Amino acid sequence: MTLKKVPARFYLTSTGSNPVRDWLIALPAGDRRQIGHDIGAVEYGWPVGMPLCRGLGEGLWEVRSSLPSRRIARVLFCLVEGELILLHAFVKKTQKTPTEDLALARKRQKEIER
């Protein structure tokens, strides 16, 4: 059995909510399965490059998923103490990653890297 090189865990807010997990649960089952598969590929195969994974600079990365629902999703993460911390996730609607999505992921990244 192959061990995960970098296990993933969800970012938790200071109030204990789990925004990425909640977002995932709200998706259709096929989309959830694809995103889970893609995150798993990163966990077992790290480091992983394009087209599955891309660096966004300053220690922030994205898992790039093409969903069965014909949409595109991104899960933004950072690496902390040998773990992937899943910071933020969204369905992509534009070519460029929205500034507010990047800002939220970076804010959460700073919180946990203190």
N, C-alpha and C. Protein backbone atom coordinates (compact mmCIF):
# COMPACT_ATOMS: atom_id res chain seq x y z
N MET A 1 0.84 -1.19 0.00
CA MET A 1 0.00 0.00 0.00
C MET A 1 0.89 1.25 0.00
N THR A 2 0.59 2.17 -0.88
CA THR A 2 1.34 3.41 -0.98
C THR A 2 0.81 4.41 0.04
N LEU A 3 1.73 5.05 0.74
CA LEU A 3 1.33 6.07 1.71
C LEU A 3 1.24 7.43 1.03
N LYS A 4 0.37 8.25 1.57
CA LYS A 4 0.26 9.62 1.07
C LYS A 4 1.56 10.35 1.39
N LYS A 5 2.08 11.07 0.39
CA LYS A 5 3.28 11.86 0.63
C LYS A 5 2.95 13.08 1.47
N VAL A 6 1.81 13.70 1.16
CA VAL A 6 1.36 14.86 1.92
C VAL A 6 -0.15 14.75 2.12
N PRO A 7 -0.59 14.33 3.31
CA PRO A 7 -2.03 14.21 3.54
C PRO A 7 -2.70 15.59 3.55
N ALA A 8 -3.93 15.62 3.08
CA ALA A 8 -4.69 16.88 3.05
C ALA A 8 -5.57 16.99 4.28
N ARG A 9 -5.75 18.21 4.71
CA ARG A 9 -6.75 18.46 5.75
C ARG A 9 -7.40 19.80 5.46
N PHE A 10 -8.62 19.93 5.94
CA PHE A 10 -9.40 21.13 5.68
C PHE A 10 -9.01 22.25 6.63
N TYR A 11 -8.99 23.46 6.11
CA TYR A 11 -8.82 24.67 6.91
C TYR A 11 -10.04 24.81 7.82
N LEU A 12 -9.82 25.11 9.09
CA LEU A 12 -10.91 25.38 10.03
C LEU A 12 -10.86 26.85 10.43
N THR A 13 -12.02 27.51 10.44
CA THR A 13 -12.06 28.90 10.89
C THR A 13 -11.92 28.94 12.41
N SER A 14 -11.73 30.12 12.95
CA SER A 14 -11.60 30.27 14.40
C SER A 14 -12.88 29.85 15.13
N THR A 15 -14.01 29.86 14.42
CA THR A 15 -15.28 29.45 15.03
C THR A 15 -15.55 27.96 14.81
N GLY A 16 -14.61 27.27 14.14
CA GLY A 16 -14.75 25.83 13.96
C GLY A 16 -15.49 25.42 12.69
N SER A 17 -15.85 26.39 11.84
CA SER A 17 -16.54 25.99 10.61
C SER A 17 -15.50 25.53 9.58
N ASN A 18 -15.99 24.82 8.60
CA ASN A 18 -15.14 24.13 7.65
C ASN A 18 -15.56 24.53 6.23
N PRO A 19 -15.17 25.72 5.74
CA PRO A 19 -15.73 26.24 4.50
C PRO A 19 -15.49 25.38 3.25
N VAL A 20 -14.31 24.78 3.11
CA VAL A 20 -14.04 23.98 1.91
C VAL A 20 -14.86 22.69 1.94
N ARG A 21 -14.93 22.06 3.09
CA ARG A 21 -15.72 20.83 3.23
C ARG A 21 -17.20 21.12 2.97
N ASP A 22 -17.70 22.22 3.52
CA ASP A 22 -19.10 22.60 3.30
C ASP A 22 -19.38 22.85 1.82
N TRP A 23 -18.44 23.51 1.14
CA TRP A 23 -18.57 23.78 -0.30
C TRP A 23 -18.63 22.46 -1.07
N LEU A 24 -17.73 21.55 -0.72
CA LEU A 24 -17.69 20.25 -1.40
C LEU A 24 -19.00 19.48 -1.23
N ILE A 25 -19.51 19.45 -0.03
CA ILE A 25 -20.75 18.71 0.27
C ILE A 25 -21.92 19.23 -0.56
N ALA A 26 -21.91 20.52 -0.86
CA ALA A 26 -23.01 21.13 -1.61
C ALA A 26 -22.96 20.81 -3.11
N LEU A 27 -21.84 20.27 -3.60
CA LEU A 27 -21.70 19.96 -5.02
C LEU A 27 -22.39 18.65 -5.38
N PRO A 28 -22.72 18.45 -6.66
CA PRO A 28 -23.24 17.16 -7.11
C PRO A 28 -22.20 16.06 -6.86
N ALA A 29 -22.67 14.83 -6.65
CA ALA A 29 -21.80 13.70 -6.29
C ALA A 29 -20.66 13.49 -7.29
N GLY A 30 -20.94 13.59 -8.58
CA GLY A 30 -19.89 13.39 -9.59
C GLY A 30 -18.79 14.42 -9.49
N ASP A 31 -19.18 15.67 -9.24
CA ASP A 31 -18.20 16.74 -9.08
C ASP A 31 -17.35 16.51 -7.83
N ARG A 32 -18.01 16.13 -6.74
CA ARG A 32 -17.28 15.83 -5.49
C ARG A 32 -16.26 14.73 -5.71
N ARG A 33 -16.69 13.68 -6.40
CA ARG A 33 -15.81 12.54 -6.66
C ARG A 33 -14.58 12.97 -7.47
N GLN A 34 -14.78 13.80 -8.50
CA GLN A 34 -13.67 14.26 -9.33
C GLN A 34 -12.68 15.11 -8.52
N ILE A 35 -13.20 16.02 -7.73
CA ILE A 35 -12.32 16.88 -6.91
C ILE A 35 -11.57 16.02 -5.90
N GLY A 36 -12.25 15.06 -5.28
CA GLY A 36 -11.59 14.15 -4.33
C GLY A 36 -10.49 13.35 -5.01
N HIS A 37 -10.76 12.88 -6.21
CA HIS A 37 -9.76 12.14 -6.98
C HIS A 37 -8.54 13.03 -7.26
N ASP A 38 -8.78 14.27 -7.67
CA ASP A 38 -7.68 15.19 -7.99
C ASP A 38 -6.86 15.55 -6.75
N ILE A 39 -7.53 15.78 -5.63
CA ILE A 39 -6.80 16.07 -4.38
C ILE A 39 -5.99 14.84 -3.98
N GLY A 40 -6.57 13.66 -4.14
CA GLY A 40 -5.86 12.41 -3.84
C GLY A 40 -4.61 12.26 -4.69
N ALA A 41 -4.70 12.61 -5.97
CA ALA A 41 -3.53 12.52 -6.86
C ALA A 41 -2.41 13.43 -6.36
N VAL A 42 -2.77 14.58 -5.81
CA VAL A 42 -1.76 15.49 -5.26
C VAL A 42 -1.19 14.90 -3.96
N GLU A 43 -2.05 14.36 -3.10
CA GLU A 43 -1.58 13.76 -1.84
C GLU A 43 -0.57 12.64 -2.07
N TYR A 44 -0.86 11.77 -3.03
CA TYR A 44 0.00 10.62 -3.29
C TYR A 44 1.18 10.92 -4.20
N GLY A 45 1.04 11.94 -5.06
CA GLY A 45 2.06 12.17 -6.07
C GLY A 45 2.90 13.42 -5.90
N TRP A 46 2.74 14.13 -4.79
CA TRP A 46 3.43 15.41 -4.60
C TRP A 46 4.93 15.24 -4.80
N PRO A 47 5.62 16.13 -5.50
CA PRO A 47 5.10 17.31 -6.18
C PRO A 47 4.45 16.96 -7.53
N VAL A 48 3.38 17.65 -7.84
CA VAL A 48 2.61 17.44 -9.06
C VAL A 48 2.56 18.76 -9.82
N GLY A 49 2.77 18.71 -11.12
CA GLY A 49 2.75 19.92 -11.92
C GLY A 49 1.47 20.04 -12.74
N MET A 50 1.56 20.87 -13.76
CA MET A 50 0.44 21.10 -14.67
C MET A 50 0.14 19.80 -15.41
N PRO A 51 -1.07 19.55 -15.81
CA PRO A 51 -2.23 20.43 -15.72
C PRO A 51 -3.00 20.32 -14.41
N LEU A 52 -2.62 19.40 -13.51
CA LEU A 52 -3.40 19.16 -12.29
C LEU A 52 -3.15 20.22 -11.21
N CYS A 53 -1.94 20.67 -11.10
CA CYS A 53 -1.57 21.52 -9.98
C CYS A 53 -0.70 22.67 -10.49
N ARG A 54 -0.94 23.86 -9.94
CA ARG A 54 -0.16 25.02 -10.38
C ARG A 54 0.16 25.89 -9.18
N GLY A 55 1.38 26.39 -9.13
CA GLY A 55 1.77 27.32 -8.08
C GLY A 55 1.24 28.72 -8.38
N LEU A 56 0.77 29.39 -7.33
CA LEU A 56 0.25 30.75 -7.48
C LEU A 56 1.18 31.77 -6.84
N GLY A 57 2.32 31.31 -6.34
CA GLY A 57 3.29 32.20 -5.70
C GLY A 57 3.10 32.29 -4.20
N GLU A 58 4.19 32.59 -3.51
CA GLU A 58 4.20 32.78 -2.06
C GLU A 58 3.64 31.58 -1.31
N GLY A 59 3.91 30.37 -1.82
CA GLY A 59 3.50 29.16 -1.11
C GLY A 59 2.05 28.76 -1.30
N LEU A 60 1.34 29.43 -2.19
CA LEU A 60 -0.06 29.09 -2.47
C LEU A 60 -0.12 28.30 -3.77
N TRP A 61 -0.93 27.24 -3.76
CA TRP A 61 -1.07 26.35 -4.92
C TRP A 61 -2.55 26.15 -5.22
N GLU A 62 -2.83 25.64 -6.43
CA GLU A 62 -4.20 25.30 -6.76
C GLU A 62 -4.27 23.90 -7.36
N VAL A 63 -5.32 23.16 -6.97
CA VAL A 63 -5.67 21.90 -7.63
C VAL A 63 -6.70 22.29 -8.68
N ARG A 64 -6.46 21.87 -9.92
CA ARG A 64 -7.29 22.27 -11.05
C ARG A 64 -8.15 21.08 -11.47
N SER A 65 -9.46 21.20 -11.33
CA SER A 65 -10.37 20.10 -11.64
C SER A 65 -11.35 20.48 -12.76
N SER A 66 -11.48 19.58 -13.73
CA SER A 66 -12.52 19.70 -14.76
C SER A 66 -13.64 18.76 -14.32
N LEU A 67 -14.82 19.31 -14.08
CA LEU A 67 -15.90 18.56 -13.47
C LEU A 67 -16.83 17.91 -14.50
N PRO A 68 -17.47 16.80 -14.12
CA PRO A 68 -18.45 16.16 -15.01
C PRO A 68 -19.60 17.10 -15.39
N SER A 69 -19.88 18.08 -14.54
CA SER A 69 -20.96 19.03 -14.81
C SER A 69 -20.53 20.09 -15.83
N ARG A 70 -19.39 19.88 -16.46
CA ARG A 70 -18.82 20.79 -17.47
C ARG A 70 -18.41 22.14 -16.90
N ARG A 71 -18.06 22.14 -15.64
CA ARG A 71 -17.55 23.35 -15.00
C ARG A 71 -16.10 23.10 -14.60
N ILE A 72 -15.45 24.15 -14.17
CA ILE A 72 -14.06 24.05 -13.72
C ILE A 72 -14.01 24.51 -12.27
N ALA A 73 -13.34 23.73 -11.43
CA ALA A 73 -13.22 24.09 -10.02
C ALA A 73 -11.75 24.24 -9.66
N ARG A 74 -11.52 25.03 -8.64
CA ARG A 74 -10.18 25.20 -8.09
C ARG A 74 -10.25 25.03 -6.58
N VAL A 75 -9.27 24.32 -6.05
CA VAL A 75 -9.10 24.21 -4.60
C VAL A 75 -7.72 24.79 -4.31
N LEU A 76 -7.70 25.87 -3.54
CA LEU A 76 -6.45 26.56 -3.22
C LEU A 76 -5.90 25.99 -1.91
N PHE A 77 -4.60 25.73 -1.88
CA PHE A 77 -4.00 25.12 -0.69
C PHE A 77 -2.58 25.64 -0.48
N CYS A 78 -2.08 25.38 0.73
CA CYS A 78 -0.68 25.63 1.04
C CYS A 78 -0.15 24.38 1.74
N LEU A 79 1.14 24.30 1.87
CA LEU A 79 1.78 23.19 2.58
C LEU A 79 2.29 23.70 3.92
N VAL A 80 1.88 23.02 4.98
CA VAL A 80 2.33 23.40 6.32
C VAL A 80 2.68 22.11 7.06
N GLU A 81 3.93 22.04 7.51
CA GLU A 81 4.40 20.89 8.28
C GLU A 81 4.01 19.56 7.64
N GLY A 82 4.26 19.45 6.33
CA GLY A 82 4.03 18.19 5.64
C GLY A 82 2.58 17.86 5.34
N GLU A 83 1.70 18.84 5.45
CA GLU A 83 0.29 18.62 5.13
C GLU A 83 -0.19 19.64 4.11
N LEU A 84 -1.12 19.20 3.25
CA LEU A 84 -1.82 20.13 2.36
C LEU A 84 -2.96 20.72 3.17
N ILE A 85 -3.02 22.00 3.29
CA ILE A 85 -4.14 22.63 3.99
C ILE A 85 -5.04 23.23 2.91
N LEU A 86 -6.26 22.69 2.79
CA LEU A 86 -7.21 23.13 1.77
C LEU A 86 -7.88 24.40 2.28
N LEU A 87 -7.47 25.54 1.73
CA LEU A 87 -7.84 26.85 2.26
C LEU A 87 -9.16 27.39 1.71
N HIS A 88 -9.37 27.21 0.42
CA HIS A 88 -10.52 27.85 -0.23
C HIS A 88 -10.81 27.09 -1.52
N ALA A 89 -12.07 27.07 -1.92
CA ALA A 89 -12.44 26.38 -3.16
C ALA A 89 -13.59 27.12 -3.83
N PHE A 90 -13.64 27.04 -5.14
CA PHE A 90 -14.70 27.73 -5.88
C PHE A 90 -14.82 27.14 -7.27
N VAL A 91 -15.97 27.38 -7.90
CA VAL A 91 -16.17 27.03 -9.30
C VAL A 91 -15.74 28.25 -10.10
N LYS A 92 -14.87 28.01 -11.05
CA LYS A 92 -14.29 29.10 -11.83
C LYS A 92 -15.27 29.57 -12.91
N LYS A 93 -15.46 30.88 -12.99
CA LYS A 93 -16.39 31.45 -13.97
C LYS A 93 -15.69 32.35 -14.97
N THR A 94 -14.44 32.71 -14.68
CA THR A 94 -13.69 33.59 -15.56
C THR A 94 -12.33 32.96 -15.86
N GLN A 95 -11.64 33.49 -16.86
CA GLN A 95 -10.32 32.98 -17.23
C GLN A 95 -9.32 33.14 -16.08
N LYS A 96 -9.35 34.32 -15.47
CA LYS A 96 -8.40 34.66 -14.41
C LYS A 96 -9.01 34.33 -13.05
N THR A 97 -8.18 33.86 -12.12
CA THR A 97 -8.67 33.59 -10.77
C THR A 97 -9.09 34.91 -10.13
N PRO A 98 -10.33 35.00 -9.66
CA PRO A 98 -10.82 36.26 -9.06
C PRO A 98 -9.95 36.73 -7.88
N THR A 99 -9.69 38.01 -7.85
CA THR A 99 -8.85 38.62 -6.82
C THR A 99 -9.36 38.31 -5.42
N GLU A 100 -10.69 38.36 -5.23
CA GLU A 100 -11.23 38.12 -3.88
C GLU A 100 -11.02 36.67 -3.43
N ASP A 101 -11.04 35.72 -4.35
CA ASP A 101 -10.77 34.33 -4.00
C ASP A 101 -9.31 34.14 -3.59
N LEU A 102 -8.40 34.76 -4.34
CA LEU A 102 -6.98 34.71 -3.99
C LEU A 102 -6.72 35.38 -2.65
N ALA A 103 -7.35 36.53 -2.43
CA ALA A 103 -7.15 37.28 -1.18
C ALA A 103 -7.62 36.46 0.02
N LEU A 104 -8.76 35.80 -0.12
CA LEU A 104 -9.29 34.99 0.99
C LEU A 104 -8.35 33.82 1.30
N ALA A 105 -7.85 33.15 0.26
CA ALA A 105 -6.92 32.03 0.48
C ALA A 105 -5.64 32.53 1.14
N ARG A 106 -5.11 33.67 0.70
CA ARG A 106 -3.88 34.20 1.30
C ARG A 106 -4.09 34.62 2.75
N LYS A 107 -5.26 35.18 3.05
CA LYS A 107 -5.58 35.55 4.43
C LYS A 107 -5.58 34.30 5.32
N ARG A 108 -6.23 33.25 4.86
CA ARG A 108 -6.27 31.99 5.63
C ARG A 108 -4.88 31.37 5.74
N GLN A 109 -4.10 31.47 4.68
CA GLN A 109 -2.73 30.96 4.70
C GLN A 109 -1.91 31.65 5.78
N LYS A 110 -2.03 32.97 5.85
CA LYS A 110 -1.28 33.74 6.85
C LYS A 110 -1.70 33.35 8.27
N GLU A 111 -3.01 33.11 8.46
CA GLU A 111 -3.52 32.69 9.77
C GLU A 111 -2.83 31.43 10.27
N ILE A 112 -2.72 30.44 9.40
CA ILE A 112 -2.18 29.15 9.86
C ILE A 112 -0.67 29.07 9.83
N GLU A 113 -0.01 29.97 9.13
CA GLU A 113 1.45 29.93 9.07
C GLU A 113 2.10 30.75 10.17
N ARG A 114 1.33 31.34 11.05
CA ARG A 114 1.90 32.14 12.14
C ARG A 114 2.66 31.29 13.11
